[in-house]
C-alpha atoms as a PDB file:
ATOM      1  CA  MET A   1      13.194  -5.003  -1.469  1.00  0.00           C
ATOM      2  CA  ASP A   2      13.299  -1.739   0.836  1.00  0.00           C
ATOM      3  CA  GLU A   3      10.179   0.503   0.583  1.00  0.00           C
ATOM      4  CA  ASN A   4      10.266   4.118   2.361  1.00  0.00           C
ATOM      5  CA  VAL A   5       7.142   5.984   1.973  1.00  0.00           C
ATOM      6  CA  PHE A   6       7.385   9.807   2.848  1.00  0.00           C
ATOM      7  CA  VAL A   7       3.957  11.352   3.201  1.00  0.00           C
ATOM      8  CA  ILE A   8       4.068  14.920   1.964  1.00  0.00           C
ATOM      9  CA  LYS A   9       0.547  16.170   2.805  1.00  0.00           C
ATOM     10  CA  GLY A  10      -2.364  13.932   4.888  1.00  0.00           C
ATOM     11  CA  THR A  11      -2.507  10.782   6.775  1.00  0.00           C
ATOM     12  CA  LEU A  12      -1.932   7.133   5.634  1.00  0.00           C
ATOM     13  CA  HIS A  13      -2.968   4.134   7.109  1.00  0.00           C
ATOM     14  CA  CYS A  14      -0.893   1.065   6.931  1.00  0.00           C
ATOM     15  CA  ARG A  15      -1.410  -2.577   7.511  1.00  0.00           C
ATOM     16  CA  TYR A  16       1.751  -5.051   7.686  1.00  0.00           C
ATOM     17  CA  LEU A  17       2.827  -8.243   8.796  1.00  0.00           C
ATOM     18  CA  GLU A  18       5.422  -8.487  11.443  1.00  0.00           C
ATOM     19  CA  ASN A  19       6.570 -12.202  12.112  1.00  0.00           C
ATOM     20  CA  GLY A  20       2.938 -13.365  10.760  1.00  0.00           C
ATOM     21  CA  GLU A  21       1.131 -11.207  13.035  1.00  0.00           C
ATOM     22  CA  GLU A  22      -1.202  -8.518  11.453  1.00  0.00           C
ATOM     23  CA  LYS A  23      -0.058  -4.835  12.400  1.00  0.00           C
ATOM     24  CA  GLU A  24      -1.551  -1.478  11.847  1.00  0.00           C
ATOM     25  CA  CYS A  25      -0.272   2.149  11.989  1.00  0.00           C
ATOM     26  CA  ASP A  26      -1.083   5.744  10.849  1.00  0.00           C
ATOM     27  CA  VAL A  27       1.609   7.407   9.189  1.00  0.00           C
ATOM     28  CA  GLN A  28       1.175  11.668   9.339  1.00  0.00           C
ATOM     29  CA  GLU A  29       2.529  14.359   7.132  1.00  0.00           C
ATOM     30  CA  HIS A  30       6.071  14.787   7.072  1.00  0.00           C
ATOM     31  CA  GLU A  31       6.677  11.351   8.639  1.00  0.00           C
ATOM     32  CA  VAL A  32       8.541   8.269   6.861  1.00  0.00           C
ATOM     33  CA  LEU A  33       7.497   4.777   6.822  1.00  0.00           C
ATOM     34  CA  ARG A  34       9.912   2.210   6.617  1.00  0.00           C
ATOM     35  CA  VAL A  35       8.565  -1.208   4.969  1.00  0.00           C
ATOM     36  CA  LEU A  36      11.200  -3.734   4.842  1.00  0.00           C
ATOM     37  CA  HIS A  37      10.528  -7.066   3.605  1.00  0.00           C
ATOM     38  CA  SER A  38       6.906  -7.392   4.707  1.00  0.00           C
ATOM     39  CA  VAL A  39       3.576  -7.513   3.061  1.00  0.00           C
ATOM     40  CA  HIS A  40       1.696  -4.643   3.335  1.00  0.00           C
ATOM     41  CA  THR A  41      -1.044  -2.212   2.140  1.00  0.00           C
ATOM     42  CA  ILE A  42      -1.234   1.626   2.514  1.00  0.00           C
ATOM     43  CA  GLU A  43      -4.377   3.472   1.949  1.00  0.00           C
ATOM     44  CA  ASN A  44      -6.060   7.160   2.877  1.00  0.00           C
ATOM     45  CA  ASP A  45      -8.790   5.815   4.948  1.00  0.00           C
ATOM     46  CA  THR A  46      -9.619  10.109   5.609  1.00  0.00           C
ATOM     47  CA  ASP A  47     -11.944  12.122   3.393  1.00  0.00           C
ATOM     48  CA  GLN A  48      -8.506  14.619   3.235  1.00  0.00           C
ATOM     49  CA  THR A  49      -6.266  14.822   0.302  1.00  0.00           C
ATOM     50  CA  ALA A  50      -2.785  12.721   0.901  1.00  0.00           C
ATOM     51  CA  GLU A  51       0.220  12.966  -0.989  1.00  0.00           C
ATOM     52  CA  PHE A  52       3.267  10.698  -0.952  1.00  0.00           C
ATOM     53  CA  VAL A  53       6.417   9.720  -2.479  1.00  0.00           C
ATOM     54  CA  VAL A  54       7.584   5.564  -2.380  1.00  0.00           C
ATOM     55  CA  PHE A  55      11.360   5.360  -2.747  1.00  0.00           C
ATOM     56  CA  ARG A  56      12.207   1.514  -3.440  1.00  0.00           C
ATOM     57  CA  TYR A  57      15.642  -0.097  -3.040  1.00  0.00           C
ATOM     58  CA  ILE A  58      17.246  -3.431  -3.910  1.00  0.00           C
ATOM     59  CA  PRO A  59      20.020  -3.902  -2.289  1.00  0.00           C
ATOM     60  CA  GLN A  60      21.341  -6.822  -4.462  1.00  0.00           C
ATOM     61  CA  GLY A  61      22.780  -4.415  -7.336  1.00  0.00           C
ATOM     62  CA  LYS A  62      20.817  -5.950 -10.150  1.00  0.00           C
ATOM     63  CA  ASP A  63      18.382  -4.421 -12.925  1.00  0.00           C
ATOM     64  CA  ASN A  64      15.298  -5.324 -11.137  1.00  0.00           C
ATOM     65  CA  ARG A  65      12.852  -3.174 -12.854  1.00  0.00           C
ATOM     66  CA  GLU A  66      10.760  -5.966 -13.969  1.00  0.00           C
ATOM     67  CA  ALA A  67      10.131  -7.357 -10.593  1.00  0.00           C
ATOM     68  CA  ILE A  68       9.294  -4.087  -9.609  1.00  0.00           C
ATOM     69  CA  LYS A  69       6.580  -3.390 -12.089  1.00  0.00           C
ATOM     70  CA  LYS A  70       4.943  -7.034 -11.395  1.00  0.00           C
ATOM     71  CA  ASP A  71       5.036  -7.011  -7.414  1.00  0.00           C
ATOM     72  CA  LYS A  72       1.895  -5.627  -6.795  1.00  0.00           C
ATOM     73  CA  THR A  73      -1.406  -7.324  -6.286  1.00  0.00           C
ATOM     74  CA  ALA A  74      -5.118  -5.823  -6.578  1.00  0.00           C
ATOM     75  CA  VAL A  75      -7.265  -6.342  -3.335  1.00  0.00           C
ATOM     76  CA  LYS A  76     -10.719  -5.777  -3.237  1.00  0.00           C
ATOM     77  CA  ARG A  77     -12.734  -5.396  -0.372  1.00  0.00           C
END
């Protein structure tokens, strides 16, 4: 699954795994974050409102709606 996040307003903080190493970045207004097949979290860690759109692509050409619905895990800190 390929996921692209377009930030409409504000800033999002992203944490992700790359080759087993945890990395992080900030994505600003009007930027696109492309998350390929990595484990990741996205959060708004500011006091400002953030708005974004997520586009998800499944290249196999199959109906994977159920997989998309069940691929998230809530994490409490």
